[in-house]
Amino acid sequence: MYSQLGYEVSQRNFPQTPVSRDNVFRDGVGQQMATVTGTAPGGLTATLTLAVRAGAV
């Protein structure tokens, strides 16, 4: 994705923010990241498995 135009700053910043220090993902990146397949020009598919508790609103 970062190879696409408009993501130059993100590409430069990403290595400076490891998930171990990220406020969103540091408590369980394995459960919070989708698996992404495909290519930017051809289309991307994201898959994420999650649990939904019965009765949750």
C-alpha atoms as a PDB file:
ATOM      1  CA  MET A   1       0.000   0.000   0.000  1.00  0.00           C
ATOM      2  CA  TYR A   2       2.784   2.412   0.874  1.00  0.00           C
ATOM      3  CA  SER A   3       4.095   2.180  -2.674  1.00  0.00           C
ATOM      4  CA  GLN A   4       1.018   4.076  -3.897  1.00  0.00           C
ATOM      5  CA  LEU A   5       1.092   7.834  -4.370  1.00  0.00           C
ATOM      6  CA  GLY A   6       0.050   9.802  -1.305  1.00  0.00           C
ATOM      7  CA  TYR A   7       1.526   7.423   1.276  1.00  0.00           C
ATOM      8  CA  GLU A   8       5.100   8.716   1.269  1.00  0.00           C
ATOM      9  CA  VAL A   9       4.879  10.216   4.775  1.00  0.00           C
ATOM     10  CA  SER A  10       3.240   7.070   6.192  1.00  0.00           C
ATOM     11  CA  GLN A  11       5.968   4.929   4.668  1.00  0.00           C
ATOM     12  CA  ARG A  12       8.599   7.095   6.344  1.00  0.00           C
ATOM     13  CA  ASN A  13       6.812   7.148   9.745  1.00  0.00           C
ATOM     14  CA  PHE A  14       5.730   3.498   9.998  1.00  0.00           C
ATOM     15  CA  PRO A  15       9.110   2.050  11.080  1.00  0.00           C
ATOM     16  CA  GLN A  16       9.307   4.650  13.874  1.00  0.00           C
ATOM     17  CA  THR A  17       6.129   3.391  15.575  1.00  0.00           C
ATOM     18  CA  PRO A  18       6.446  -0.296  16.452  1.00  0.00           C
ATOM     19  CA  VAL A  19       3.215  -2.006  17.511  1.00  0.00           C
ATOM     20  CA  SER A  20       4.702  -2.595  20.965  1.00  0.00           C
ATOM     21  CA  ARG A  21       4.429   1.182  21.561  1.00  0.00           C
ATOM     22  CA  ASP A  22       1.279   1.849  19.545  1.00  0.00           C
ATOM     23  CA  ASN A  23      -1.737   2.919  21.645  1.00  0.00           C
ATOM     24  CA  VAL A  24      -4.166   0.770  19.641  1.00  0.00           C
ATOM     25  CA  PHE A  25      -2.313  -2.474  18.978  1.00  0.00           C
ATOM     26  CA  ARG A  26       0.147  -2.898  21.846  1.00  0.00           C
ATOM     27  CA  ASP A  27      -2.260  -5.054  23.875  1.00  0.00           C
ATOM     28  CA  GLY A  28      -2.814  -7.761  21.291  1.00  0.00           C
ATOM     29  CA  VAL A  29      -1.797  -7.045  17.737  1.00  0.00           C
ATOM     30  CA  GLY A  30      -2.394 -10.681  16.790  1.00  0.00           C
ATOM     31  CA  GLN A  31      -6.090 -10.359  17.603  1.00  0.00           C
ATOM     32  CA  GLN A  32      -6.536  -6.893  16.106  1.00  0.00           C
ATOM     33  CA  MET A  33      -4.873  -7.044  12.708  1.00  0.00           C
ATOM     34  CA  ALA A  34      -6.625  -8.272   9.600  1.00  0.00           C
ATOM     35  CA  THR A  35      -4.911 -10.559   7.119  1.00  0.00           C
ATOM     36  CA  VAL A  36      -4.668  -8.672   3.823  1.00  0.00           C
ATOM     37  CA  THR A  37      -4.196 -10.374   0.468  1.00  0.00           C
ATOM     38  CA  GLY A  38      -4.063  -9.075  -3.090  1.00  0.00           C
ATOM     39  CA  THR A  39      -2.415  -6.042  -4.643  1.00  0.00           C
ATOM     40  CA  ALA A  40      -3.226  -2.347  -4.595  1.00  0.00           C
ATOM     41  CA  PRO A  41      -3.787  -2.191  -8.362  1.00  0.00           C
ATOM     42  CA  GLY A  42      -5.731  -5.478  -8.505  1.00  0.00           C
ATOM     43  CA  GLY A  43      -7.721  -5.121  -5.309  1.00  0.00           C
ATOM     44  CA  LEU A  44      -7.186  -6.022  -1.672  1.00  0.00           C
ATOM     45  CA  THR A  45      -9.142  -8.379   0.568  1.00  0.00           C
ATOM     46  CA  ALA A  46      -8.966  -8.079   4.361  1.00  0.00           C
ATOM     47  CA  THR A  47     -10.027 -10.943   6.634  1.00  0.00           C
ATOM     48  CA  LEU A  48     -10.483 -10.604  10.397  1.00  0.00           C
ATOM     49  CA  THR A  49     -11.829 -13.249  12.744  1.00  0.00           C
ATOM     50  CA  LEU A  50     -13.563 -11.957  15.841  1.00  0.00           C
ATOM     51  CA  ALA A  51     -15.845 -13.176  18.585  1.00  0.00           C
ATOM     52  CA  VAL A  52     -19.203 -11.635  19.404  1.00  0.00           C
ATOM     53  CA  ARG A  53     -20.552 -12.227  22.886  1.00  0.00           C
ATOM     54  CA  ALA A  54     -24.195 -13.296  23.034  1.00  0.00           C
ATOM     55  CA  GLY A  55     -26.405 -10.480  24.269  1.00  0.00           C
ATOM     56  CA  ALA A  56     -23.803  -7.817  23.480  1.00  0.00           C
ATOM     57  CA  VAL A  57     -25.194  -4.607  22.047  1.00  0.00           C
END
